[in-house]
């Protein structure tokens, strides 16, 4: 059984909303300096969830960057600059992924 067009569009829209939510929460956590241990744990959790969602959608590059952010947040000697750079790369990949999914919808779905 395959997903119908409406279901596929819904899935892509849901994924985009989740990526936006995770990004906003990550930005909020990363804006604090220095990070508390709770914020570090939140970054690890959010990055891990984003990685899983991205893998399920085939967004491998975004998943890899989420994993990198997750690992950096677990590392004791990571600087806020390293975290910010990893998050910037992740946000750029998220934007590219969203554009690619929109293009795919235009090219493959009739509605």
PDB file of N, CA and C in Angstrom:
ATOM      1  N   UNK A   1       0.835  -1.184   0.000  1.00  0.00           N
ATOM      2  CA  UNK A   1       0.000   0.000   0.000  1.00  0.00           C
ATOM      3  C   UNK A   1       0.882   1.250   0.000  1.00  0.00           C
ATOM      4  N   UNK A   2       0.506   2.236  -0.757  1.00  0.00           N
ATOM      5  CA  UNK A   2       1.260   3.476  -0.807  1.00  0.00           C
ATOM      6  C   UNK A   2       0.446   4.610  -0.185  1.00  0.00           C
ATOM      7  N   UNK A   3       1.142   5.654   0.195  1.00  0.00           N
ATOM      8  CA  UNK A   3       0.471   6.833   0.725  1.00  0.00           C
ATOM      9  C   UNK A   3      -0.208   7.582  -0.409  1.00  0.00           C
ATOM     10  N   UNK A   4      -1.393   8.068  -0.172  1.00  0.00           N
ATOM     11  CA  UNK A   4      -2.053   8.907  -1.157  1.00  0.00           C
ATOM     12  C   UNK A   4      -1.411  10.287  -1.173  1.00  0.00           C
ATOM     13  N   UNK A   5      -1.743  11.067  -2.191  1.00  0.00           N
ATOM     14  CA  UNK A   5      -1.143  12.401  -2.324  1.00  0.00           C
ATOM     15  C   UNK A   5      -1.442  13.276  -1.115  1.00  0.00           C
ATOM     16  N   UNK A   6      -2.680  13.259  -0.651  1.00  0.00           N
ATOM     17  CA  UNK A   6      -3.060  14.102   0.489  1.00  0.00           C
ATOM     18  C   UNK A   6      -2.263  13.708   1.733  1.00  0.00           C
ATOM     19  N   UNK A   7      -2.087  12.415   1.932  1.00  0.00           N
ATOM     20  CA  UNK A   7      -1.318  11.935   3.084  1.00  0.00           C
ATOM     21  C   UNK A   7       0.144  12.340   2.973  1.00  0.00           C
ATOM     22  N   UNK A   8       0.680  12.258   1.775  1.00  0.00           N
ATOM     23  CA  UNK A   8       2.077  12.634   1.557  1.00  0.00           C
ATOM     24  C   UNK A   8       2.287  14.118   1.850  1.00  0.00           C
ATOM     25  N   UNK A   9       1.387  14.945   1.350  1.00  0.00           N
ATOM     26  CA  UNK A   9       1.492  16.387   1.592  1.00  0.00           C
ATOM     27  C   UNK A   9       1.377  16.673   3.086  1.00  0.00           C
ATOM     28  N   UNK A  10       0.451  15.991   3.752  1.00  0.00           N
ATOM     29  CA  UNK A  10       0.261  16.171   5.192  1.00  0.00           C
ATOM     30  C   UNK A  10       1.536  15.781   5.946  1.00  0.00           C
ATOM     31  N   UNK A  11       2.144  14.673   5.549  1.00  0.00           N
ATOM     32  CA  UNK A  11       3.368  14.196   6.192  1.00  0.00           C
ATOM     33  C   UNK A  11       4.495  15.215   6.030  1.00  0.00           C
ATOM     34  N   UNK A  12       4.638  15.757   4.830  1.00  0.00           N
ATOM     35  CA  UNK A  12       5.686  16.749   4.568  1.00  0.00           C
ATOM     36  C   UNK A  12       5.423  18.028   5.364  1.00  0.00           C
ATOM     37  N   UNK A  13       4.159  18.449   5.429  1.00  0.00           N
ATOM     38  CA  UNK A  13       3.829  19.651   6.198  1.00  0.00           C
ATOM     39  C   UNK A  13       4.091  19.437   7.692  1.00  0.00           C
ATOM     40  N   UNK A  14       3.751  18.271   8.197  1.00  0.00           N
ATOM     41  CA  UNK A  14       3.997  17.946   9.600  1.00  0.00           C
ATOM     42  C   UNK A  14       5.494  17.950   9.887  1.00  0.00           C
ATOM     43  N   UNK A  15       6.269  17.328   9.012  1.00  0.00           N
ATOM     44  CA  UNK A  15       7.726  17.303   9.184  1.00  0.00           C
ATOM     45  C   UNK A  15       8.280  18.727   9.199  1.00  0.00           C
ATOM     46  N   UNK A  16       7.845  19.566   8.271  1.00  0.00           N
ATOM     47  CA  UNK A  16       8.327  20.945   8.234  1.00  0.00           C
ATOM     48  C   UNK A  16       7.983  21.673   9.539  1.00  0.00           C
ATOM     49  N   UNK A  17       6.782  21.461  10.052  1.00  0.00           N
ATOM     50  CA  UNK A  17       6.376  22.110  11.305  1.00  0.00           C
ATOM     51  C   UNK A  17       7.243  21.630  12.463  1.00  0.00           C
ATOM     52  N   UNK A  18       7.536  20.330  12.493  1.00  0.00           N
ATOM     53  CA  UNK A  18       8.380  19.787  13.555  1.00  0.00           C
ATOM     54  C   UNK A  18       9.794  20.358  13.481  1.00  0.00           C
ATOM     55  N   UNK A  19      10.344  20.441  12.282  1.00  0.00           N
ATOM     56  CA  UNK A  19      11.678  21.011  12.113  1.00  0.00           C
ATOM     57  C   UNK A  19      11.689  22.469  12.597  1.00  0.00           C
ATOM     58  N   UNK A  20      10.650  23.218  12.247  1.00  0.00           N
ATOM     59  CA  UNK A  20      10.547  24.611  12.684  1.00  0.00           C
ATOM     60  C   UNK A  20      10.470  24.702  14.206  1.00  0.00           C
ATOM     61  N   UNK A  21       9.666  23.834  14.816  1.00  0.00           N
ATOM     62  CA  UNK A  21       9.529  23.826  16.275  1.00  0.00           C
ATOM     63  C   UNK A  21      10.853  23.476  16.954  1.00  0.00           C
ATOM     64  N   UNK A  22      11.516  22.422  16.466  1.00  0.00           N
ATOM     65  CA  UNK A  22      12.803  22.028  17.052  1.00  0.00           C
ATOM     66  C   UNK A  22      13.822  23.153  16.904  1.00  0.00           C
ATOM     67  N   UNK A  23      13.850  23.788  15.734  1.00  0.00           N
ATOM     68  CA  UNK A  23      14.801  24.879  15.494  1.00  0.00           C
ATOM     69  C   UNK A  23      14.563  26.044  16.455  1.00  0.00           C
ATOM     70  N   UNK A  24      13.303  26.393  16.650  1.00  0.00           N
ATOM     71  CA  UNK A  24      12.977  27.494  17.562  1.00  0.00           C
ATOM     72  C   UNK A  24      13.383  27.161  18.997  1.00  0.00           C
ATOM     73  N   UNK A  25      13.118  25.932  19.414  1.00  0.00           N
ATOM     74  CA  UNK A  25      13.493  25.520  20.769  1.00  0.00           C
ATOM     75  C   UNK A  25      15.014  25.458  20.928  1.00  0.00           C
ATOM     76  N   UNK A  26      15.697  24.967  19.905  1.00  0.00           N
ATOM     77  CA  UNK A  26      17.163  24.930  19.948  1.00  0.00           C
ATOM     78  C   UNK A  26      17.732  26.338  20.010  1.00  0.00           C
ATOM     79  N   UNK A  27      17.184  27.255  19.211  1.00  0.00           N
ATOM     80  CA  UNK A  27      17.660  28.639  19.217  1.00  0.00           C
ATOM     81  C   UNK A  27      17.489  29.248  20.598  1.00  0.00           C
ATOM     82  N   UNK A  28      16.364  28.960  21.227  1.00  0.00           N
ATOM     83  CA  UNK A  28      16.101  29.477  22.568  1.00  0.00           C
ATOM     84  C   UNK A  28      17.123  28.942  23.569  1.00  0.00           C
ATOM     85  N   UNK A  29      17.384  27.651  23.526  1.00  0.00           N
ATOM     86  CA  UNK A  29      18.381  27.051  24.430  1.00  0.00           C
ATOM     87  C   UNK A  29      19.772  27.628  24.181  1.00  0.00           C
ATOM     88  N   UNK A  30      20.140  27.744  22.908  1.00  0.00           N
ATOM     89  CA  UNK A  30      21.494  28.174  22.554  1.00  0.00           C
ATOM     90  C   UNK A  30      21.722  29.664  22.806  1.00  0.00           C
ATOM     91  N   UNK A  31      20.649  30.426  23.021  1.00  0.00           N
ATOM     92  CA  UNK A  31      20.822  31.862  23.257  1.00  0.00           C
ATOM     93  C   UNK A  31      21.354  32.135  24.658  1.00  0.00           C
ATOM     94  N   UNK A  32      21.255  31.159  25.534  1.00  0.00           N
ATOM     95  CA  UNK A  32      21.751  31.328  26.903  1.00  0.00           C
ATOM     96  C   UNK A  32      23.253  31.102  26.958  1.00  0.00           C
ATOM     97  N   UNK A  33      23.928  31.992  27.669  1.00  0.00           N
ATOM     98  CA  UNK A  33      25.362  31.771  27.912  1.00  0.00           C
ATOM     99  C   UNK A  33      25.663  32.129  29.352  1.00  0.00           C
ATOM    100  N   UNK A  34      26.306  31.273  30.098  1.00  0.00           N
ATOM    101  CA  UNK A  34      26.636  29.885  29.705  1.00  0.00           C
ATOM    102  C   UNK A  34      25.390  29.004  29.782  1.00  0.00           C
ATOM    103  N   UNK A  35      25.477  27.881  29.100  1.00  0.00           N
ATOM    104  CA  UNK A  35      24.369  26.924  29.123  1.00  0.00           C
ATOM    105  C   UNK A  35      24.303  26.221  30.475  1.00  0.00           C
ATOM    106  N   UNK A  36      23.100  26.021  30.966  1.00  0.00           N
ATOM    107  CA  UNK A  36      22.934  25.195  32.155  1.00  0.00           C
ATOM    108  C   UNK A  36      22.952  23.735  31.730  1.00  0.00           C
ATOM    109  N   UNK A  37      23.118  22.837  32.676  1.00  0.00           N
ATOM    110  CA  UNK A  37      23.110  21.411  32.319  1.00  0.00           C
ATOM    111  C   UNK A  37      21.737  21.008  31.784  1.00  0.00           C
ATOM    112  N   UNK A  38      20.667  21.654  32.281  1.00  0.00           N
ATOM    113  CA  UNK A  38      19.327  21.363  31.765  1.00  0.00           C
ATOM    114  C   UNK A  38      19.220  21.775  30.293  1.00  0.00           C
ATOM    115  N   UNK A  39      19.788  22.927  29.955  1.00  0.00           N
ATOM    116  CA  UNK A  39      19.748  23.385  28.559  1.00  0.00           C
ATOM    117  C   UNK A  39      20.575  22.464  27.670  1.00  0.00           C
ATOM    118  N   UNK A  40      21.727  22.030  28.154  1.00  0.00           N
ATOM    119  CA  UNK A  40      22.534  21.075  27.381  1.00  0.00           C
ATOM    120  C   UNK A  40      21.744  19.797  27.126  1.00  0.00           C
ATOM    121  N   UNK A  41      21.068  19.290  28.153  1.00  0.00           N
ATOM    122  CA  UNK A  41      20.262  18.071  28.001  1.00  0.00           C
ATOM    123  C   UNK A  41      19.112  18.304  27.021  1.00  0.00           C
ATOM    124  N   UNK A  42      18.522  19.498  27.071  1.00  0.00           N
ATOM    125  CA  UNK A  42      17.430  19.834  26.151  1.00  0.00           C
ATOM    126  C   UNK A  42      17.943  19.859  24.704  1.00  0.00           C
ATOM    127  N   UNK A  43      19.130  20.421  24.486  1.00  0.00           N
ATOM    128  CA  UNK A  43      19.727  20.464  23.152  1.00  0.00           C
ATOM    129  C   UNK A  43      19.966  19.040  22.645  1.00  0.00           C
ATOM    130  N   UNK A  44      20.513  18.192  23.508  1.00  0.00           N
ATOM    131  CA  UNK A  44      20.755  16.795  23.139  1.00  0.00           C
ATOM    132  C   UNK A  44      19.431  16.125  22.741  1.00  0.00           C
ATOM    133  N   UNK A  45      18.396  16.308  23.548  1.00  0.00           N
ATOM    134  CA  UNK A  45      17.099  15.679  23.295  1.00  0.00           C
ATOM    135  C   UNK A  45      16.472  16.184  21.996  1.00  0.00           C
ATOM    136  N   UNK A  46      16.475  17.511  21.804  1.00  0.00           N
ATOM    137  CA  UNK A  46      15.880  18.090  20.597  1.00  0.00           C
ATOM    138  C   UNK A  46      16.634  17.659  19.343  1.00  0.00           C
ATOM    139  N   UNK A  47      17.959  17.692  19.410  1.00  0.00           N
ATOM    140  CA  UNK A  47      18.769  17.288  18.252  1.00  0.00           C
ATOM    141  C   UNK A  47      18.534  15.815  17.925  1.00  0.00           C
ATOM    142  N   UNK A  48      18.412  14.990  18.968  1.00  0.00           N
ATOM    143  CA  UNK A  48      18.160  13.564  18.768  1.00  0.00           C
ATOM    144  C   UNK A  48      16.801  13.344  18.095  1.00  0.00           C
ATOM    145  N   UNK A  49      15.774  14.061  18.553  1.00  0.00           N
ATOM    146  CA  UNK A  49      14.448  13.932  17.951  1.00  0.00           C
ATOM    147  C   UNK A  49      14.458  14.415  16.507  1.00  0.00           C
ATOM    148  N   UNK A  50      15.126  15.528  16.270  1.00  0.00           N
ATOM    149  CA  UNK A  50      15.219  16.061  14.907  1.00  0.00           C
ATOM    150  C   UNK A  50      15.928  15.071  13.996  1.00  0.00           C
ATOM    151  N   UNK A  51      16.958  14.440  14.504  1.00  0.00           N
ATOM    152  CA  UNK A  51      17.683  13.433  13.721  1.00  0.00           C
ATOM    153  C   UNK A  51      16.758  12.292  13.327  1.00  0.00           C
ATOM    154  N   UNK A  52      15.995  11.785  14.297  1.00  0.00           N
ATOM    155  CA  UNK A  52      15.080  10.678  14.015  1.00  0.00           C
ATOM    156  C   UNK A  52      14.016  11.049  12.993  1.00  0.00           C
ATOM    157  N   UNK A  53      13.413  12.233  13.170  1.00  0.00           N
ATOM    158  CA  UNK A  53      12.383  12.686  12.226  1.00  0.00           C
ATOM    159  C   UNK A  53      12.987  12.824  10.822  1.00  0.00           C
ATOM    160  N   UNK A  54      14.203  13.364  10.754  1.00  0.00           N
ATOM    161  CA  UNK A  54      14.851  13.597   9.460  1.00  0.00           C
ATOM    162  C   UNK A  54      15.201  12.286   8.775  1.00  0.00           C
ATOM    163  N   UNK A  55      15.694  11.329   9.537  1.00  0.00           N
ATOM    164  CA  UNK A  55      15.996  10.014   8.954  1.00  0.00           C
ATOM    165  C   UNK A  55      14.743   9.378   8.383  1.00  0.00           C
ATOM    166  N   UNK A  56      13.624   9.517   9.089  1.00  0.00           N
ATOM    167  CA  UNK A  56      12.382   8.893   8.610  1.00  0.00           C
ATOM    168  C   UNK A  56      11.875   9.548   7.324  1.00  0.00           C
ATOM    169  N   UNK A  57      12.290  10.790   7.066  1.00  0.00           N
ATOM    170  CA  UNK A  57      11.883  11.492   5.846  1.00  0.00           C
ATOM    171  C   UNK A  57      12.931  11.386   4.741  1.00  0.00           C
ATOM    172  N   UNK A  58      14.051  10.733   5.023  1.00  0.00           N
ATOM    173  CA  UNK A  58      15.113  10.620   4.028  1.00  0.00           C
ATOM    174  C   UNK A  58      15.984  11.852   3.931  1.00  0.00           C
ATOM    175  N   UNK A  59      15.903  12.728   4.932  1.00  0.00           N
ATOM    176  CA  UNK A  59      16.713  13.955   4.947  1.00  0.00           C
ATOM    177  C   UNK A  59      18.034  13.655   5.662  1.00  0.00           C
ATOM    178  N   UNK A  60      18.884  12.909   4.960  1.00  0.00           N
ATOM    179  CA  UNK A  60      20.112  12.389   5.582  1.00  0.00           C
ATOM    180  C   UNK A  60      21.095  13.477   6.002  1.00  0.00           C
ATOM    181  N   UNK A  61      21.240  14.514   5.184  1.00  0.00           N
ATOM    182  CA  UNK A  61      22.184  15.580   5.543  1.00  0.00           C
ATOM    183  C   UNK A  61      21.735  16.278   6.821  1.00  0.00           C
ATOM    184  N   UNK A  62      20.459  16.588   6.908  1.00  0.00           N
ATOM    185  CA  UNK A  62      19.926  17.248   8.097  1.00  0.00           C
ATOM    186  C   UNK A  62      20.058  16.334   9.315  1.00  0.00           C
ATOM    187  N   UNK A  63      19.806  15.054   9.129  1.00  0.00           N
ATOM    188  CA  UNK A  63      19.959  14.082  10.214  1.00  0.00           C
ATOM    189  C   UNK A  63      21.406  14.041  10.704  1.00  0.00           C
ATOM    190  N   UNK A  64      22.350  14.072   9.773  1.00  0.00           N
ATOM    191  CA  UNK A  64      23.764  14.058  10.148  1.00  0.00           C
ATOM    192  C   UNK A  64      24.171  15.295  10.931  1.00  0.00           C
ATOM    193  N   UNK A  65      23.655  16.444  10.530  1.00  0.00           N
ATOM    194  CA  UNK A  65      23.966  17.689  11.245  1.00  0.00           C
ATOM    195  C   UNK A  65      23.308  17.713  12.622  1.00  0.00           C
ATOM    196  N   UNK A  66      22.126  17.139  12.725  1.00  0.00           N
ATOM    197  CA  UNK A  66      21.468  17.041  14.029  1.00  0.00           C
ATOM    198  C   UNK A  66      22.275  16.137  14.959  1.00  0.00           C
ATOM    199  N   UNK A  67      22.798  15.041  14.403  1.00  0.00           N
ATOM    200  CA  UNK A  67      23.633  14.138  15.204  1.00  0.00           C
ATOM    201  C   UNK A  67      24.902  14.853  15.665  1.00  0.00           C
ATOM    202  N   UNK A  68      25.490  15.652  14.778  1.00  0.00           N
ATOM    203  CA  UNK A  68      26.697  16.410  15.132  1.00  0.00           C
ATOM    204  C   UNK A  68      26.399  17.376  16.287  1.00  0.00           C
ATOM    205  N   UNK A  69      25.260  18.070  16.215  1.00  0.00           N
ATOM    206  CA  UNK A  69      24.876  18.995  17.281  1.00  0.00           C
ATOM    207  C   UNK A  69      24.632  18.241  18.581  1.00  0.00           C
ATOM    208  N   UNK A  70      23.977  17.095  18.470  1.00  0.00           N
ATOM    209  CA  UNK A  70      23.713  16.256  19.647  1.00  0.00           C
ATOM    210  C   UNK A  70      25.022  15.850  20.325  1.00  0.00           C
ATOM    211  N   UNK A  71      25.985  15.391  19.530  1.00  0.00           N
ATOM    212  CA  UNK A  71      27.272  14.963  20.093  1.00  0.00           C
ATOM    213  C   UNK A  71      28.051  16.129  20.691  1.00  0.00           C
ATOM    214  N   UNK A  72      28.019  17.279  20.010  1.00  0.00           N
ATOM    215  CA  UNK A  72      28.700  18.460  20.545  1.00  0.00           C
ATOM    216  C   UNK A  72      28.122  18.867  21.894  1.00  0.00           C
ATOM    217  N   UNK A  73      26.803  18.815  22.016  1.00  0.00           N
ATOM    218  CA  UNK A  73      26.154  19.218  23.263  1.00  0.00           C
ATOM    219  C   UNK A  73      26.482  18.257  24.405  1.00  0.00           C
ATOM    220  N   UNK A  74      26.857  17.020  24.062  1.00  0.00           N
ATOM    221  CA  UNK A  74      27.231  16.035  25.086  1.00  0.00           C
ATOM    222  C   UNK A  74      28.686  16.181  25.521  1.00  0.00           C
ATOM    223  N   UNK A  75      29.485  16.908  24.737  1.00  0.00           N
ATOM    224  CA  UNK A  75      30.920  17.006  24.987  1.00  0.00           C
ATOM    225  C   UNK A  75      31.211  18.146  25.962  1.00  0.00           C
ATOM    226  N   UNK A  76      31.975  17.856  26.977  1.00  0.00           N
ATOM    227  CA  UNK A  76      32.242  18.836  28.031  1.00  0.00           C
ATOM    228  C   UNK A  76      32.971  20.088  27.538  1.00  0.00           C
ATOM    229  N   UNK A  77      33.925  19.928  26.631  1.00  0.00           N
ATOM    230  CA  UNK A  77      34.768  21.064  26.246  1.00  0.00           C
ATOM    231  C   UNK A  77      34.258  21.834  25.030  1.00  0.00           C
ATOM    232  N   UNK A  78      33.053  21.550  24.607  1.00  0.00           N
ATOM    233  CA  UNK A  78      32.491  22.248  23.449  1.00  0.00           C
ATOM    234  C   UNK A  78      32.263  23.719  23.791  1.00  0.00           C
ATOM    235  N   UNK A  79      32.652  24.605  22.881  1.00  0.00           N
ATOM    236  CA  UNK A  79      32.430  26.036  23.100  1.00  0.00           C
ATOM    237  C   UNK A  79      31.075  26.450  22.538  1.00  0.00           C
ATOM    238  N   UNK A  80      30.580  27.583  23.010  1.00  0.00           N
ATOM    239  CA  UNK A  80      29.301  28.071  22.488  1.00  0.00           C
ATOM    240  C   UNK A  80      29.439  28.399  21.002  1.00  0.00           C
ATOM    241  N   UNK A  81      30.633  28.815  20.579  1.00  0.00           N
ATOM    242  CA  UNK A  81      30.846  29.094  19.162  1.00  0.00           C
ATOM    243  C   UNK A  81      30.692  27.828  18.317  1.00  0.00           C
ATOM    244  N   UNK A  82      31.241  26.717  18.800  1.00  0.00           N
ATOM    245  CA  UNK A  82      31.099  25.445  18.074  1.00  0.00           C
ATOM    246  C   UNK A  82      29.627  25.046  17.967  1.00  0.00           C
ATOM    247  N   UNK A  83      28.890  25.225  19.058  1.00  0.00           N
ATOM    248  CA  UNK A  83      27.466  24.900  19.036  1.00  0.00           C
ATOM    249  C   UNK A  83      26.721  25.813  18.067  1.00  0.00           C
ATOM    250  N   UNK A  84      27.047  27.108  18.096  1.00  0.00           N
ATOM    251  CA  UNK A  84      26.387  28.066  17.199  1.00  0.00           C
ATOM    252  C   UNK A  84      26.666  27.740  15.733  1.00  0.00           C
ATOM    253  N   UNK A  85      27.915  27.371  15.432  1.00  0.00           N
ATOM    254  CA  UNK A  85      28.277  27.024  14.052  1.00  0.00           C
ATOM    255  C   UNK A  85      27.541  25.766  13.597  1.00  0.00           C
ATOM    256  N   UNK A  86      27.460  24.785  14.479  1.00  0.00           N
ATOM    257  CA  UNK A  86      26.746  23.544  14.143  1.00  0.00           C
ATOM    258  C   UNK A  86      25.264  23.832  13.931  1.00  0.00           C
ATOM    259  N   UNK A  87      24.705  24.703  14.763  1.00  0.00           N
ATOM    260  CA  UNK A  87      23.288  25.044  14.638  1.00  0.00           C
ATOM    261  C   UNK A  87      23.029  25.849  13.364  1.00  0.00           C
ATOM    262  N   UNK A  88      23.950  26.736  13.000  1.00  0.00           N
ATOM    263  CA  UNK A  88      23.798  27.501  11.753  1.00  0.00           C
ATOM    264  C   UNK A  88      23.787  26.564  10.547  1.00  0.00           C
ATOM    265  N   UNK A  89      24.688  25.599  10.543  1.00  0.00           N
ATOM    266  CA  UNK A  89      24.734  24.619   9.448  1.00  0.00           C
ATOM    267  C   UNK A  89      23.443  23.811   9.406  1.00  0.00           C
ATOM    268  N   UNK A  90      22.934  23.450  10.582  1.00  0.00           N
ATOM    269  CA  UNK A  90      21.695  22.689  10.666  1.00  0.00           C
ATOM    270  C   UNK A  90      20.526  23.508  10.113  1.00  0.00           C
ATOM    271  N   UNK A  91      20.453  24.788  10.474  1.00  0.00           N
ATOM    272  CA  UNK A  91      19.343  25.629   9.989  1.00  0.00           C
ATOM    273  C   UNK A  91      19.399  25.808   8.475  1.00  0.00           C
ATOM    274  N   UNK A  92      20.600  25.960   7.938  1.00  0.00           N
ATOM    275  CA  UNK A  92      20.761  26.090   6.489  1.00  0.00           C
ATOM    276  C   UNK A  92      20.296  24.799   5.797  1.00  0.00           C
ATOM    277  N   UNK A  93      20.707  23.663   6.329  1.00  0.00           N
ATOM    278  CA  UNK A  93      20.287  22.375   5.762  1.00  0.00           C
ATOM    279  C   UNK A  93      18.771  22.206   5.881  1.00  0.00           C
ATOM    280  N   UNK A  94      18.181  22.680   6.961  1.00  0.00           N
ATOM    281  CA  UNK A  94      16.728  22.587   7.138  1.00  0.00           C
ATOM    282  C   UNK A  94      16.014  23.395   6.056  1.00  0.00           C
ATOM    283  N   UNK A  95      16.523  24.575   5.762  1.00  0.00           N
ATOM    284  CA  UNK A  95      15.932  25.413   4.714  1.00  0.00           C
ATOM    285  C   UNK A  95      16.043  24.731   3.348  1.00  0.00           C
ATOM    286  N   UNK A  96      17.208  24.148   3.057  1.00  0.00           N
ATOM    287  CA  UNK A  96      17.406  23.438   1.787  1.00  0.00           C
ATOM    288  C   UNK A  96      16.499  22.213   1.700  1.00  0.00           C
ATOM    289  N   UNK A  97      16.349  21.515   2.814  1.00  0.00           N
ATOM    290  CA  UNK A  97      15.487  20.331   2.847  1.00  0.00           C
ATOM    291  C   UNK A  97      14.040  20.725   2.578  1.00  0.00           C
ATOM    292  N   UNK A  98      13.601  21.810   3.199  1.00  0.00           N
ATOM    293  CA  UNK A  98      12.234  22.277   2.992  1.00  0.00           C
ATOM    294  C   UNK A  98      12.006  22.630   1.521  1.00  0.00           C
ATOM    295  N   UNK A  99      12.955  23.334   0.920  1.00  0.00           N
ATOM    296  CA  UNK A  99      12.843  23.688  -0.505  1.00  0.00           C
ATOM    297  C   UNK A  99      12.795  22.443  -1.374  1.00  0.00           C
ATOM    298  N   UNK A 100      13.630  21.470  -1.060  1.00  0.00           N
ATOM    299  CA  UNK A 100      13.669  20.234  -1.847  1.00  0.00           C
ATOM    300  C   UNK A 100      12.346  19.476  -1.737  1.00  0.00           C
ATOM    301  N   UNK A 101      11.773  19.440  -0.539  1.00  0.00           N
ATOM    302  CA  UNK A 101      10.491  18.753  -0.362  1.00  0.00           C
ATOM    303  C   UNK A 101       9.370  19.486  -1.098  1.00  0.00           C
ATOM    304  N   UNK A 102       9.387  20.806  -1.075  1.00  0.00           N
ATOM    305  CA  UNK A 102       8.389  21.572  -1.826  1.00  0.00           C
ATOM    306  C   UNK A 102       8.527  21.310  -3.323  1.00  0.00           C
ATOM    307  N   UNK A 103       9.771  21.281  -3.817  1.00  0.00           N
ATOM    308  CA  UNK A 103      10.019  20.980  -5.232  1.00  0.00           C
ATOM    309  C   UNK A 103       9.504  19.584  -5.574  1.00  0.00           C
ATOM    310  N   UNK A 104       9.779  18.626  -4.692  1.00  0.00           N
ATOM    311  CA  UNK A 104       9.342  17.259  -4.929  1.00  0.00           C
ATOM    312  C   UNK A 104       7.820  17.207  -5.027  1.00  0.00           C
ATOM    313  N   UNK A 105       7.148  17.907  -4.133  1.00  0.00           N
ATOM    314  CA  UNK A 105       5.668  17.940  -4.171  1.00  0.00           C
ATOM    315  C   UNK A 105       5.190  18.508  -5.505  1.00  0.00           C
ATOM    316  N   UNK A 106       5.780  19.614  -5.933  1.00  0.00           N
ATOM    317  CA  UNK A 106       5.385  20.235  -7.214  1.00  0.00           C
ATOM    318  C   UNK A 106       5.598  19.271  -8.374  1.00  0.00           C
ATOM    319  N   UNK A 107       6.728  18.568  -8.355  1.00  0.00           N
ATOM    320  CA  UNK A 107       7.096  17.715  -9.491  1.00  0.00           C
ATOM    321  C   UNK A 107       6.349  16.374  -9.518  1.00  0.00           C
ATOM    322  N   UNK A 108       5.967  15.858  -8.338  1.00  0.00           N
ATOM    323  CA  UNK A 108       5.434  14.501  -8.274  1.00  0.00           C
ATOM    324  C   UNK A 108       3.966  14.395  -7.918  1.00  0.00           C
ATOM    325  N   UNK A 109       3.401  15.451  -7.395  1.00  0.00           N
ATOM    326  CA  UNK A 109       2.004  15.386  -6.993  1.00  0.00           C
ATOM    327  C   UNK A 109       1.180  16.277  -7.899  1.00  0.00           C
ATOM    328  N   UNK A 110       0.035  15.785  -8.285  1.00  0.00           N
ATOM    329  CA  UNK A 110      -0.751  16.480  -9.300  1.00  0.00           C
ATOM    330  C   UNK A 110      -1.546  17.669  -8.757  1.00  0.00           C
ATOM    331  N   UNK A 111      -1.821  17.673  -7.450  1.00  0.00           N
ATOM    332  CA  UNK A 111      -2.681  18.731  -6.923  1.00  0.00           C
ATOM    333  C   UNK A 111      -1.978  20.048  -6.739  1.00  0.00           C
TER     334      UNK A 111
END
